[in-house]
N, C-alpha and C. Protein backbone atom coordinates (compact mmCIF):
# COMPACT_ATOMS: atom_id res chain seq x y z
N MET A 1 0.96 -1.16 0.03
CA MET A 1 -0.05 -0.14 0.06
C MET A 1 0.90 1.35 0.01
N GLN A 2 1.84 1.18 0.90
CA GLN A 2 2.80 2.35 0.86
C GLN A 2 3.34 2.67 -0.45
N LYS A 3 3.89 1.62 -1.24
CA LYS A 3 4.24 1.91 -2.68
C LYS A 3 3.36 2.38 -3.50
N LEU A 4 2.04 2.02 -3.42
CA LEU A 4 0.95 2.48 -4.18
C LEU A 4 0.67 3.91 -3.80
N LEU A 5 0.62 4.42 -2.52
CA LEU A 5 0.62 5.86 -2.34
C LEU A 5 1.68 6.71 -2.84
N SER A 6 2.85 6.19 -2.72
CA SER A 6 4.03 6.86 -3.12
C SER A 6 3.83 7.16 -4.55
N SER A 7 3.63 6.16 -5.21
CA SER A 7 3.46 6.32 -6.88
C SER A 7 2.40 7.11 -7.25
N LEU A 8 1.23 7.06 -6.50
CA LEU A 8 0.16 7.87 -6.62
C LEU A 8 0.49 9.36 -6.47
N LEU A 9 1.26 9.63 -5.45
CA LEU A 9 1.61 11.05 -5.03
C LEU A 9 2.54 11.48 -6.29
N ALA A 10 3.51 10.79 -6.58
CA ALA A 10 4.51 11.04 -7.70
C ALA A 10 3.61 11.49 -9.01
N ILE A 11 2.74 10.85 -9.27
CA ILE A 11 1.83 11.00 -10.40
C ILE A 11 1.08 12.30 -10.44
N LEU A 12 0.67 12.62 -9.06
CA LEU A 12 -0.31 13.86 -8.89
C LEU A 12 0.68 14.97 -9.08
N MET A 13 1.90 14.98 -8.42
CA MET A 13 2.75 16.10 -8.32
C MET A 13 3.29 16.26 -9.88
N LEU A 14 3.41 15.36 -10.51
CA LEU A 14 3.80 15.43 -11.90
C LEU A 14 2.82 16.34 -12.63
N PHE A 15 1.52 15.96 -12.49
CA PHE A 15 0.62 16.76 -13.20
C PHE A 15 0.13 18.04 -12.49
N GLY A 16 0.61 18.37 -11.44
CA GLY A 16 0.34 19.74 -10.84
C GLY A 16 -1.08 19.84 -10.45
N LEU A 17 -1.77 18.90 -9.87
CA LEU A 17 -3.12 19.21 -9.56
C LEU A 17 -3.26 19.94 -8.27
N SER A 18 -4.45 20.72 -8.25
CA SER A 18 -4.73 21.72 -7.42
C SER A 18 -4.94 21.06 -5.98
N THR A 19 -5.06 22.08 -4.88
CA THR A 19 -5.16 21.59 -3.59
C THR A 19 -6.62 20.92 -3.37
N THR A 20 -7.52 21.31 -4.17
CA THR A 20 -8.83 20.57 -4.05
C THR A 20 -8.81 19.11 -4.11
N THR A 21 -7.94 18.82 -5.33
CA THR A 21 -7.60 17.41 -5.45
C THR A 21 -6.97 16.57 -4.34
N TRP A 22 -6.13 17.41 -3.72
CA TRP A 22 -5.54 16.79 -2.57
C TRP A 22 -6.23 16.56 -1.40
N ALA A 23 -7.35 17.41 -1.19
CA ALA A 23 -8.20 17.19 -0.15
C ALA A 23 -9.05 16.08 -0.55
N LYS A 24 -9.41 15.83 -1.82
CA LYS A 24 -10.27 14.78 -2.09
C LYS A 24 -9.35 13.49 -1.69
N GLN A 25 -7.98 13.48 -2.20
CA GLN A 25 -7.28 12.37 -1.94
C GLN A 25 -6.98 12.18 -0.38
N ASP A 26 -6.91 13.28 0.37
CA ASP A 26 -6.83 12.89 1.90
C ASP A 26 -8.17 12.36 2.52
N MET A 27 -9.36 12.69 1.86
CA MET A 27 -10.52 12.30 2.37
C MET A 27 -10.40 10.83 2.21
N SER A 28 -10.05 10.34 0.90
CA SER A 28 -10.21 8.71 0.59
C SER A 28 -9.33 8.02 1.45
N VAL A 29 -8.02 8.75 1.60
CA VAL A 29 -7.05 8.00 2.57
C VAL A 29 -7.41 8.10 4.03
N GLY A 30 -8.13 9.04 4.51
CA GLY A 30 -8.88 9.16 5.76
C GLY A 30 -9.84 7.96 6.07
N GLU A 31 -10.78 7.75 5.13
CA GLU A 31 -11.70 6.85 5.09
C GLU A 31 -11.03 5.42 5.23
N GLN A 32 -9.90 5.13 4.35
CA GLN A 32 -9.26 4.14 4.27
C GLN A 32 -8.58 3.69 5.62
N CYS A 33 -8.00 4.75 6.33
CA CYS A 33 -7.41 4.58 7.62
C CYS A 33 -8.45 4.26 8.68
N PHE A 34 -9.39 4.80 8.60
CA PHE A 34 -10.56 4.50 9.55
C PHE A 34 -11.22 3.09 9.46
N SER A 35 -11.26 2.71 8.02
CA SER A 35 -11.78 1.39 7.85
C SER A 35 -10.78 0.42 8.31
N ASP A 36 -9.36 0.55 8.14
CA ASP A 36 -8.53 -0.39 8.49
C ASP A 36 -8.38 -0.51 10.07
N PHE A 37 -8.53 0.82 10.73
CA PHE A 37 -8.59 0.71 12.28
C PHE A 37 -9.59 -0.11 12.80
N LYS A 38 -10.96 -0.04 12.13
CA LYS A 38 -11.93 -0.78 12.59
C LYS A 38 -11.76 -2.25 12.44
N LYS A 39 -11.14 -2.70 11.36
CA LYS A 39 -10.88 -3.95 11.06
C LYS A 39 -9.81 -4.48 12.16
N GLN A 40 -8.89 -3.79 12.43
CA GLN A 40 -7.80 -4.16 13.42
C GLN A 40 -8.42 -4.37 14.74
N LYS A 41 -9.35 -3.50 15.13
CA LYS A 41 -10.03 -3.48 16.40
C LYS A 41 -11.45 -4.39 16.42
N GLY A 42 -11.42 -5.28 15.53
CA GLY A 42 -12.72 -6.03 15.29
C GLY A 42 -12.90 -6.89 16.45
N TYR A 43 -11.99 -7.26 17.10
CA TYR A 43 -12.03 -8.10 18.51
C TYR A 43 -12.90 -7.66 19.58
N ASP A 44 -13.33 -6.11 19.42
CA ASP A 44 -14.16 -5.62 20.52
C ASP A 44 -15.47 -5.39 19.88
N PRO A 45 -16.36 -6.05 19.75
CA PRO A 45 -17.65 -5.88 19.11
C PRO A 45 -18.41 -4.57 19.70
N ASN A 46 -18.29 -4.45 20.84
CA ASN A 46 -19.04 -3.20 21.42
C ASN A 46 -18.44 -2.00 20.87
N PHE A 47 -17.14 -1.83 20.94
CA PHE A 47 -16.53 -0.86 20.40
C PHE A 47 -16.75 -0.42 18.91
N ILE A 48 -16.77 -1.45 18.15
CA ILE A 48 -16.97 -1.35 16.60
C ILE A 48 -18.61 -1.08 16.44
N GLU A 49 -19.52 -1.54 17.36
CA GLU A 49 -21.04 -1.15 17.18
C GLU A 49 -20.92 0.35 17.42
N TYR A 50 -20.35 0.97 18.51
CA TYR A 50 -20.21 2.28 18.84
C TYR A 50 -19.58 3.25 17.59
N LEU A 51 -18.74 2.59 16.90
CA LEU A 51 -17.95 3.39 15.78
C LEU A 51 -18.80 3.36 14.59
N LYS A 52 -19.87 2.45 14.43
CA LYS A 52 -20.60 2.52 13.22
C LYS A 52 -21.32 3.87 12.78
N SER A 53 -21.68 4.65 13.88
CA SER A 53 -22.36 5.83 13.71
C SER A 53 -21.16 7.00 13.35
N ALA A 54 -20.01 6.62 13.52
CA ALA A 54 -18.93 7.69 13.47
C ALA A 54 -18.68 7.94 11.97
N GLU A 55 -18.05 9.19 11.60
CA GLU A 55 -17.87 9.66 10.23
C GLU A 55 -16.57 10.32 10.35
N VAL A 56 -15.78 10.27 9.36
CA VAL A 56 -14.56 11.07 9.30
C VAL A 56 -14.79 12.42 8.97
N ILE A 57 -14.09 13.34 9.55
CA ILE A 57 -14.23 14.75 9.47
C ILE A 57 -13.20 15.04 8.25
N ALA A 58 -13.68 14.87 6.94
CA ALA A 58 -12.73 14.93 5.88
C ALA A 58 -11.87 16.23 5.89
N GLU A 59 -12.38 17.37 6.11
CA GLU A 59 -11.56 18.65 5.74
C GLU A 59 -10.37 18.67 7.03
N GLN A 60 -10.42 17.81 8.00
CA GLN A 60 -9.48 17.96 8.96
C GLN A 60 -8.55 16.76 9.04
N VAL A 61 -8.64 15.77 7.98
CA VAL A 61 -7.64 14.67 7.75
C VAL A 61 -6.24 15.11 7.55
N ARG A 62 -5.30 14.80 8.17
CA ARG A 62 -3.73 15.31 8.00
C ARG A 62 -2.92 14.11 7.61
N ILE A 63 -2.09 14.21 6.58
CA ILE A 63 -1.20 13.22 6.07
C ILE A 63 0.21 13.96 6.32
N HIS A 64 1.06 13.06 7.31
CA HIS A 64 2.36 13.68 7.43
C HIS A 64 3.47 12.69 7.01
N ARG A 65 4.22 13.01 6.05
CA ARG A 65 5.16 11.97 5.52
C ARG A 65 6.54 12.43 5.93
N TYR A 66 7.45 11.47 6.27
CA TYR A 66 8.72 11.84 6.97
C TYR A 66 9.22 10.34 7.09
N GLU A 67 10.58 10.30 7.50
CA GLU A 67 11.09 8.94 7.95
C GLU A 67 11.70 9.18 9.26
N GLU A 68 11.19 8.35 10.03
CA GLU A 68 11.55 8.40 11.50
C GLU A 68 11.34 6.83 11.95
N LYS A 69 12.30 6.49 12.88
CA LYS A 69 12.22 5.26 13.60
C LYS A 69 11.48 5.42 14.98
N ILE A 70 10.46 4.42 15.00
CA ILE A 70 9.91 4.31 16.32
C ILE A 70 10.19 2.80 16.70
N GLY A 71 11.16 2.83 17.81
CA GLY A 71 11.86 1.57 18.34
C GLY A 71 12.65 1.16 17.06
N THR A 72 12.40 -0.11 16.49
CA THR A 72 13.29 -0.58 15.41
C THR A 72 12.51 -0.28 14.17
N GLN A 73 11.18 0.00 14.21
CA GLN A 73 10.39 0.17 13.03
C GLN A 73 10.46 1.43 12.28
N LEU A 74 10.64 1.57 10.98
CA LEU A 74 10.71 2.77 10.24
C LEU A 74 9.37 3.22 9.86
N ILE A 75 9.04 4.48 10.20
CA ILE A 75 7.53 4.89 9.89
C ILE A 75 7.86 6.07 9.01
N ARG A 76 7.13 6.11 7.85
CA ARG A 76 7.17 7.06 6.76
C ARG A 76 5.89 7.92 6.59
N THR A 77 4.85 7.36 7.14
CA THR A 77 3.49 8.14 7.02
C THR A 77 2.73 7.93 8.25
N VAL A 78 2.23 9.31 8.78
CA VAL A 78 1.27 9.26 9.85
C VAL A 78 0.06 9.87 9.32
N ILE A 79 -1.06 9.19 9.54
CA ILE A 79 -2.45 9.80 9.24
C ILE A 79 -3.13 10.09 10.33
N HIS A 80 -3.64 11.38 10.49
CA HIS A 80 -4.52 11.74 11.63
C HIS A 80 -5.90 11.88 11.09
N VAL A 81 -6.77 11.15 11.56
CA VAL A 81 -8.09 11.12 11.01
C VAL A 81 -9.23 11.50 12.23
N PRO A 82 -9.62 12.78 12.09
CA PRO A 82 -10.65 13.07 13.15
C PRO A 82 -12.03 12.47 12.92
N ILE A 83 -12.61 11.91 13.94
CA ILE A 83 -14.10 11.33 13.46
C ILE A 83 -15.05 11.89 14.45
N GLU A 84 -16.33 12.01 14.22
CA GLU A 84 -17.16 12.63 14.73
C GLU A 84 -18.62 11.69 14.73
N ILE A 85 -19.50 12.00 15.75
CA ILE A 85 -20.72 11.36 15.94
C ILE A 85 -21.79 12.38 16.24
N GLU A 86 -22.67 12.53 15.34
CA GLU A 86 -23.73 13.37 15.39
C GLU A 86 -23.11 14.91 15.45
N GLY A 87 -22.07 15.22 14.63
CA GLY A 87 -21.52 16.51 14.54
C GLY A 87 -20.55 16.94 15.74
N LYS A 88 -20.22 16.09 16.69
CA LYS A 88 -19.41 16.15 17.67
C LYS A 88 -18.07 15.43 17.60
N LYS A 89 -16.90 16.13 17.50
CA LYS A 89 -15.72 15.28 17.44
C LYS A 89 -15.55 14.51 18.46
N ILE A 90 -15.13 13.13 18.39
CA ILE A 90 -15.09 12.14 19.68
C ILE A 90 -13.68 11.81 19.64
N ALA A 91 -12.91 11.65 18.65
CA ALA A 91 -11.41 11.06 18.72
C ALA A 91 -10.88 11.41 17.54
N THR A 92 -9.55 11.11 17.36
CA THR A 92 -8.78 11.11 16.34
C THR A 92 -7.94 9.70 16.08
N VAL A 93 -8.27 9.20 15.00
CA VAL A 93 -7.62 7.74 14.69
C VAL A 93 -6.25 8.19 14.16
N LEU A 94 -5.32 7.37 14.55
CA LEU A 94 -3.86 7.58 14.03
C LEU A 94 -3.57 6.12 13.30
N CYS A 95 -3.10 6.53 12.05
CA CYS A 95 -2.47 5.33 11.14
C CYS A 95 -1.07 5.54 10.98
N LEU A 96 -0.23 4.59 11.32
CA LEU A 96 1.26 4.64 11.10
C LEU A 96 1.58 3.63 10.07
N ASP A 97 1.77 4.15 8.78
CA ASP A 97 1.98 3.30 7.65
C ASP A 97 0.97 2.35 7.74
N ASP A 98 1.02 1.01 7.12
CA ASP A 98 -0.06 0.20 7.44
C ASP A 98 0.28 -0.88 8.34
N LEU A 99 0.86 -0.28 9.62
CA LEU A 99 1.50 -1.30 10.50
C LEU A 99 0.78 -1.15 11.92
N TYR A 100 0.28 0.03 12.24
CA TYR A 100 -0.20 0.38 13.62
C TYR A 100 -1.35 1.27 13.54
N TYR A 101 -2.36 1.04 14.46
CA TYR A 101 -3.50 1.96 14.44
C TYR A 101 -3.79 2.19 15.90
N ASP A 102 -4.17 3.36 16.08
CA ASP A 102 -4.41 3.48 17.48
C ASP A 102 -5.70 4.97 17.39
N ILE A 103 -6.26 5.24 18.50
CA ILE A 103 -7.18 6.21 18.75
C ILE A 103 -7.17 7.13 19.83
N ILE A 104 -7.07 8.46 19.74
CA ILE A 104 -7.03 9.30 20.85
C ILE A 104 -8.39 10.02 21.03
N ALA A 105 -8.86 9.75 22.19
CA ALA A 105 -10.09 10.24 22.64
C ALA A 105 -10.12 11.93 22.84
N GLU A 106 -11.30 12.47 22.40
CA GLU A 106 -11.20 14.02 22.78
C GLU A 106 -11.42 14.15 24.06
C-alpha cells in the first residue's frame, strides 16, 4: 500500500493538481485509515458497534510524510483522522504506515 501511495503522489505532483484534488485524496486516505482501524479493532464488538455511527471529518484529515524510527520500525507516513458522531468530534484515529493503528479520545 505504501508503494501505491508513493506512486500515486508522484503522479499527482507530476501533473500539478490543485489543492482541491489533494483534499479529495486526503478524504479517501482518511476513510481507508478509519476502515483499517476498525478491522484491526474487530475483536471488540461493542467498540465497533459504537463506531458504526462515526464519520470522518474529511476537511481535518492530515497526512504527515517523513522518515523516523519508532523503536526499530521505520515509519514513513502518519495519518491523523478526526472522527465525529452527530456533529461532535469524539476522537482522532492514527495510522502509522500500514502497521499500527490507534485512537486518541477527545
